[in-house]
Amino acid sequence: MLALLRRNRLGGDTPPVRLPQGQDRVVAGGVKVRAFVPDHVDGVYLHIHGGGWAFGSADGQDEKLWRLAVGARLAVLSVDYRLAPEHPFPAGPDDCEAAARWLVDHAEAEFGTGRLLIGGESAGAHLSVLTLLRLRDRHGITGPFRAAHLAFGPYDLTMTPSQRLFGRRRLLSNSDSVRANYELFTPGMGPEERRNPEVSPLYAGLTGLPPARFVVGTQDPLLDDSLFLAQRWQAAGAPAQLDVVAGAMHGFTLFQSTITAREQQRERDFLAGA
């Protein structure tokens, strides 16, 4: 099953389309990224894909990322971070941190702008928050990233109430699949180790972080994660926009629908205006 998900890169039953507008690059530390650069660039968006830290890839959403690049006038760099179980924590976070630090140092020369944004979906939202915290805590960097776009992320790997109570409903994600992903990403860790803020950002101090938009569906086992982190984010002093989508399941933006189109437009508007 893992091999199938990796081959199809979250694209359903068949591999997704690779657009010629995407360029595969290697940045600091050998980290691979996929870049989309439109004719007009007003900022750079560091995108981190989802997939439970174990599947997904930087070339799994070319069409969406190219639309975002053109619509929001952003150079979009998607990180092809190392995946569990072959590369468990902290390999993925290390790669995202390296890509973010490279952007801080090189965005102006490479893309003509120092206005940086970050975000992702599911595990990518989790890694986005960890990246901002690492930049702040390890390198004293808080200014360059102006905003974060965080879609249905898991922020407490010890499991929030909604994760525990969701049960075995046959949707894209449920209590069992969430728990299994945590085992792949953090093998051998117990609850206390997973509660470490370097693993579960819900327990971190959040001062000095940029404005953020959180989006999650009501039928998502990770609902509480967005509700709780958005509240703490705002309490720490940064604006936090929370959009809860009625009836939407985890990963709903992977599927073509009116709701997905509306949400992707809201994402573009948020990032363009940040």
Protein backbone atom coordinates (compact mmCIF):
# COMPACT_ATOMS: atom_id res chain seq x y z
CA MET A 1 0.00 0.00 0.00
CA LEU A 2 2.81 2.40 0.87
CA ALA A 3 4.51 1.69 -2.47
CA LEU A 4 1.25 2.43 -4.35
CA LEU A 5 0.70 5.69 -2.49
CA ARG A 6 4.26 6.74 -3.22
CA ARG A 7 4.00 5.89 -6.91
CA ASN A 8 0.77 7.85 -7.27
CA ARG A 9 2.05 10.74 -5.12
CA LEU A 10 -1.36 11.38 -3.51
CA GLY A 11 -2.86 11.62 -7.01
CA GLY A 12 -5.57 8.99 -6.60
CA ASP A 13 -5.42 5.89 -8.79
CA THR A 14 -2.82 7.16 -11.25
CA PRO A 15 0.36 9.22 -11.02
CA PRO A 16 -0.26 12.98 -11.35
CA VAL A 17 0.81 15.15 -14.25
CA ARG A 18 4.33 16.60 -14.23
CA LEU A 19 4.20 20.04 -15.82
CA PRO A 20 7.09 21.45 -17.88
CA GLN A 21 6.88 24.61 -15.75
CA GLY A 22 8.30 22.66 -12.80
CA GLN A 23 12.06 22.64 -12.35
CA ASP A 24 13.84 20.12 -10.11
CA ARG A 25 16.66 21.69 -8.13
CA VAL A 26 19.04 20.84 -5.32
CA VAL A 27 19.65 23.45 -2.63
CA ALA A 28 21.64 23.57 0.62
CA GLY A 29 22.68 20.25 2.07
CA GLY A 30 21.55 18.31 -0.98
CA VAL A 31 17.86 18.93 -0.29
CA LYS A 32 15.72 18.54 -3.41
CA VAL A 33 13.02 21.05 -4.28
CA ARG A 34 10.65 21.51 -7.19
CA ALA A 35 10.39 25.13 -8.31
CA PHE A 36 7.64 26.98 -10.19
CA VAL A 37 8.60 30.51 -11.20
CA PRO A 38 6.03 32.67 -13.07
CA ASP A 39 6.92 35.74 -15.12
CA HIS A 40 6.03 38.11 -12.28
CA VAL A 41 7.25 37.31 -8.76
CA ASP A 42 6.21 39.27 -5.67
CA GLY A 43 7.27 36.67 -3.12
CA VAL A 44 8.44 33.11 -2.57
CA TYR A 45 6.27 30.37 -1.09
CA LEU A 46 8.00 27.40 0.53
CA HIS A 47 5.51 24.56 0.13
CA ILE A 48 5.73 21.34 2.14
CA HIS A 49 3.61 18.45 0.89
CA GLY A 50 1.51 16.10 2.98
CA GLY A 51 1.39 12.33 3.10
CA GLY A 52 1.80 11.27 6.71
CA TRP A 53 5.58 11.89 6.52
CA ALA A 54 5.76 8.57 4.62
CA PHE A 55 4.48 9.28 1.10
CA GLY A 56 3.72 12.19 -1.19
CA SER A 57 6.36 14.13 -3.11
CA ALA A 58 7.25 17.57 -4.41
CA ASP A 59 6.00 16.68 -7.91
CA GLY A 60 2.63 15.40 -6.75
CA GLN A 61 0.69 18.66 -7.16
CA ASP A 62 2.25 20.40 -10.16
CA GLU A 63 -1.05 21.69 -11.54
CA LYS A 64 -2.19 23.17 -8.24
CA LEU A 65 1.20 24.72 -7.45
CA TRP A 66 1.53 26.27 -10.91
CA ARG A 67 -1.95 27.82 -10.60
CA LEU A 68 -0.93 29.17 -7.20
CA ALA A 69 2.34 30.55 -8.57
CA VAL A 70 0.62 32.41 -11.40
CA GLY A 71 -2.45 33.48 -9.44
CA ALA A 72 -0.57 34.81 -6.40
CA ARG A 73 2.55 35.97 -8.31
CA LEU A 74 4.79 33.73 -6.24
CA ALA A 75 7.80 31.60 -6.94
CA VAL A 76 6.76 28.29 -5.37
CA LEU A 77 9.37 25.86 -4.07
CA SER A 78 8.07 22.49 -2.90
CA VAL A 79 10.42 20.51 -0.64
CA ASP A 80 11.10 16.86 -1.53
CA TYR A 81 12.00 15.96 2.04
CA ARG A 82 13.11 12.48 3.08
CA LEU A 83 10.30 10.10 4.03
CA ALA A 84 9.68 7.65 6.86
CA PRO A 85 10.03 4.81 7.67
CA GLU A 86 13.40 4.75 5.87
CA HIS A 87 14.14 8.25 7.19
CA PRO A 88 12.18 8.85 10.41
CA PHE A 89 12.21 11.96 12.59
CA PRO A 90 14.20 14.21 12.44
CA ALA A 91 15.17 13.69 8.77
CA GLY A 92 12.09 15.37 7.26
CA PRO A 93 12.21 18.39 9.56
CA ASP A 94 15.96 18.70 8.94
CA ASP A 95 15.39 18.93 5.17
CA CYS A 96 12.64 21.54 5.51
CA GLU A 97 14.79 23.61 7.86
CA ALA A 98 17.68 23.48 5.38
CA ALA A 99 15.45 24.58 2.49
CA ALA A 100 14.04 27.46 4.56
CA ARG A 101 17.48 28.65 5.61
CA TRP A 102 18.63 28.53 1.98
CA LEU A 103 15.68 30.72 1.00
CA VAL A 104 16.44 33.23 3.73
CA ASP A 105 19.98 33.56 2.38
CA HIS A 106 19.31 33.35 -1.37
CA ALA A 107 15.73 34.40 -2.20
CA GLU A 108 16.67 38.00 -3.01
CA ALA A 109 19.42 36.98 -5.43
CA GLU A 110 17.50 34.07 -6.95
CA PHE A 111 14.00 35.53 -7.23
CA GLY A 112 14.38 39.27 -6.68
CA THR A 113 12.41 39.37 -3.44
CA GLY A 114 12.96 38.69 0.24
CA ARG A 115 9.24 38.30 0.96
CA LEU A 116 8.89 34.68 2.08
CA LEU A 117 5.82 32.57 2.88
CA ILE A 118 5.50 28.98 4.09
CA GLY A 119 2.81 26.34 4.30
CA GLY A 120 1.54 22.92 3.45
CA GLU A 121 -1.10 20.29 3.92
CA SER A 122 -1.43 17.69 6.69
CA ALA A 123 2.09 16.51 7.58
CA GLY A 124 3.32 19.45 5.51
CA ALA A 125 1.48 21.87 7.80
CA HIS A 126 3.12 20.20 10.81
CA LEU A 127 6.54 20.49 9.17
CA SER A 128 5.87 24.13 8.28
CA VAL A 129 5.30 25.00 11.94
CA LEU A 130 8.36 23.01 13.04
CA THR A 131 10.40 24.88 10.44
CA LEU A 132 9.32 28.29 11.74
CA LEU A 133 10.11 27.20 15.30
CA ARG A 134 13.54 25.85 14.30
CA LEU A 135 14.39 29.07 12.45
CA ARG A 136 13.44 31.06 15.54
CA ASP A 137 15.02 28.85 18.18
CA ARG A 138 18.15 27.61 16.41
CA HIS A 139 19.03 30.59 14.23
CA GLY A 140 17.22 33.62 15.66
CA ILE A 141 15.31 34.09 12.37
CA THR A 142 11.77 35.47 12.71
CA GLY A 143 11.37 38.21 10.12
CA PRO A 144 11.67 36.91 6.55
CA PHE A 145 8.64 34.59 6.59
CA ARG A 146 5.63 36.90 6.49
CA ALA A 147 2.82 34.32 6.76
CA ALA A 148 2.02 30.62 7.11
CA HIS A 149 -0.80 28.72 5.38
CA LEU A 150 -1.62 25.59 7.38
CA ALA A 151 -4.15 23.07 6.05
CA PHE A 152 -5.48 20.28 8.30
CA GLY A 153 -2.21 19.64 10.11
CA PRO A 154 -1.44 17.32 13.05
CA TYR A 155 0.13 19.40 15.80
CA ASP A 156 -0.12 17.01 18.76
CA LEU A 157 1.41 13.62 18.04
CA THR A 158 0.16 12.31 21.39
CA MET A 159 -3.35 12.66 19.85
CA THR A 160 -5.90 15.38 20.56
CA PRO A 161 -9.43 14.36 21.63
CA SER A 162 -10.76 14.55 18.05
CA GLN A 163 -8.00 12.22 16.90
CA ARG A 164 -8.76 9.68 19.61
CA LEU A 165 -12.54 9.81 19.27
CA PHE A 166 -12.85 9.83 15.49
CA GLY A 167 -12.83 6.04 15.32
CA ARG A 168 -12.57 3.82 12.24
CA ARG A 169 -14.80 5.70 9.83
CA ARG A 170 -13.69 4.86 6.30
CA LEU A 171 -12.50 8.28 5.21
CA LEU A 172 -9.09 9.37 3.96
CA SER A 173 -7.86 9.47 7.55
CA ASN A 174 -9.14 8.07 10.85
CA SER A 175 -7.87 7.29 14.34
CA ASP A 176 -6.07 4.12 13.24
CA SER A 177 -4.31 5.67 10.24
CA VAL A 178 -3.22 8.71 12.23
CA ARG A 179 -1.74 6.49 14.94
CA ALA A 180 0.02 4.35 12.33
CA ASN A 181 1.58 7.40 10.71
CA TYR A 182 2.95 8.55 14.05
CA GLU A 183 4.56 5.14 14.54
CA LEU A 184 6.25 5.39 11.13
CA PHE A 185 7.46 8.94 11.69
CA THR A 186 8.57 8.61 15.32
CA PRO A 187 9.34 4.89 15.84
CA GLY A 188 10.07 3.89 19.40
CA MET A 189 8.86 7.14 20.91
CA GLY A 190 6.46 7.06 23.83
CA PRO A 191 3.85 9.71 24.68
CA GLU A 192 6.23 11.84 26.72
CA GLU A 193 8.79 11.95 23.91
CA ARG A 194 6.11 12.81 21.35
CA ARG A 195 4.91 15.62 23.61
CA ASN A 196 8.27 17.34 23.14
CA PRO A 197 7.63 20.69 21.40
CA GLU A 198 10.23 19.74 18.79
CA VAL A 199 7.88 16.91 17.77
CA SER A 200 4.44 18.27 18.69
CA PRO A 201 4.34 22.03 18.07
CA LEU A 202 1.08 22.44 19.98
CA TYR A 203 3.26 22.38 23.12
CA ALA A 204 5.77 24.96 21.87
CA GLY A 205 6.01 28.62 22.76
CA LEU A 206 4.61 30.49 19.77
CA THR A 207 5.86 34.03 20.21
CA GLY A 208 7.55 35.66 17.25
CA LEU A 209 5.71 33.66 14.59
CA PRO A 210 4.03 35.26 11.55
CA PRO A 211 0.32 35.59 10.81
CA ALA A 212 -1.26 32.28 9.86
CA ARG A 213 -4.35 30.88 8.20
CA PHE A 214 -5.63 27.52 9.46
CA VAL A 215 -8.14 25.48 7.47
CA VAL A 216 -9.72 22.17 8.49
CA GLY A 217 -12.93 20.22 7.88
CA THR A 218 -15.48 19.20 10.48
CA GLN A 219 -15.10 15.52 9.48
CA ASP A 220 -11.35 15.46 10.04
CA PRO A 221 -9.78 13.58 12.96
CA LEU A 222 -7.32 16.48 13.18
CA LEU A 223 -10.04 19.09 13.76
CA ASP A 224 -8.96 19.83 17.34
CA ASP A 225 -5.35 20.33 16.27
CA SER A 226 -6.24 23.37 14.15
CA LEU A 227 -8.73 24.70 16.70
CA PHE A 228 -6.23 24.46 19.55
CA LEU A 229 -3.16 25.72 17.67
CA ALA A 230 -5.01 28.66 16.11
CA GLN A 231 -6.14 29.76 19.56
CA ARG A 232 -2.63 29.47 21.02
CA TRP A 233 -1.13 31.19 17.95
CA GLN A 234 -3.36 34.23 18.43
CA ALA A 235 -2.79 34.26 22.19
CA ALA A 236 0.96 34.43 21.49
CA GLY A 237 0.47 37.68 19.61
CA ALA A 238 0.17 36.84 15.89
CA PRO A 239 -3.03 37.03 13.83
CA ALA A 240 -4.58 33.61 13.25
CA GLN A 241 -7.38 33.13 10.73
CA LEU A 242 -9.32 29.90 11.28
CA ASP A 243 -11.61 28.54 8.55
CA VAL A 244 -13.60 25.40 9.39
CA VAL A 245 -15.21 23.77 6.35
CA ALA A 246 -18.54 22.09 7.14
CA GLY A 247 -18.67 18.42 6.17
CA ALA A 248 -15.12 18.30 4.78
CA MET A 249 -12.89 15.34 5.53
CA HIS A 250 -9.13 15.22 5.95
CA GLY A 251 -7.30 16.01 2.73
CA PHE A 252 -10.44 17.29 0.99
CA THR A 253 -8.43 19.61 -1.27
CA LEU A 254 -6.95 16.58 -3.04
CA PHE A 255 -10.28 15.99 -4.78
CA GLN A 256 -11.80 18.15 -7.49
CA SER A 257 -14.96 19.83 -6.23
CA THR A 258 -16.57 23.23 -5.85
CA ILE A 259 -15.42 23.28 -2.22
CA THR A 260 -11.83 22.55 -3.27
CA ALA A 261 -11.88 25.28 -5.93
CA ARG A 262 -13.22 27.78 -3.40
CA GLU A 263 -10.62 26.79 -0.81
CA GLN A 264 -7.75 27.04 -3.30
CA GLN A 265 -8.90 30.54 -4.24
CA ARG A 266 -8.91 31.51 -0.56
CA GLU A 267 -5.40 30.11 -0.21
CA ARG A 268 -4.21 32.16 -3.18
CA ASP A 269 -5.87 35.29 -1.82
CA PHE A 270 -4.31 34.83 1.62
CA LEU A 271 -0.81 34.26 0.29
CA ALA A 272 -1.04 37.05 -2.28
CA GLY A 273 -2.15 39.52 0.36
CA ALA A 274 0.12 38.42 3.21
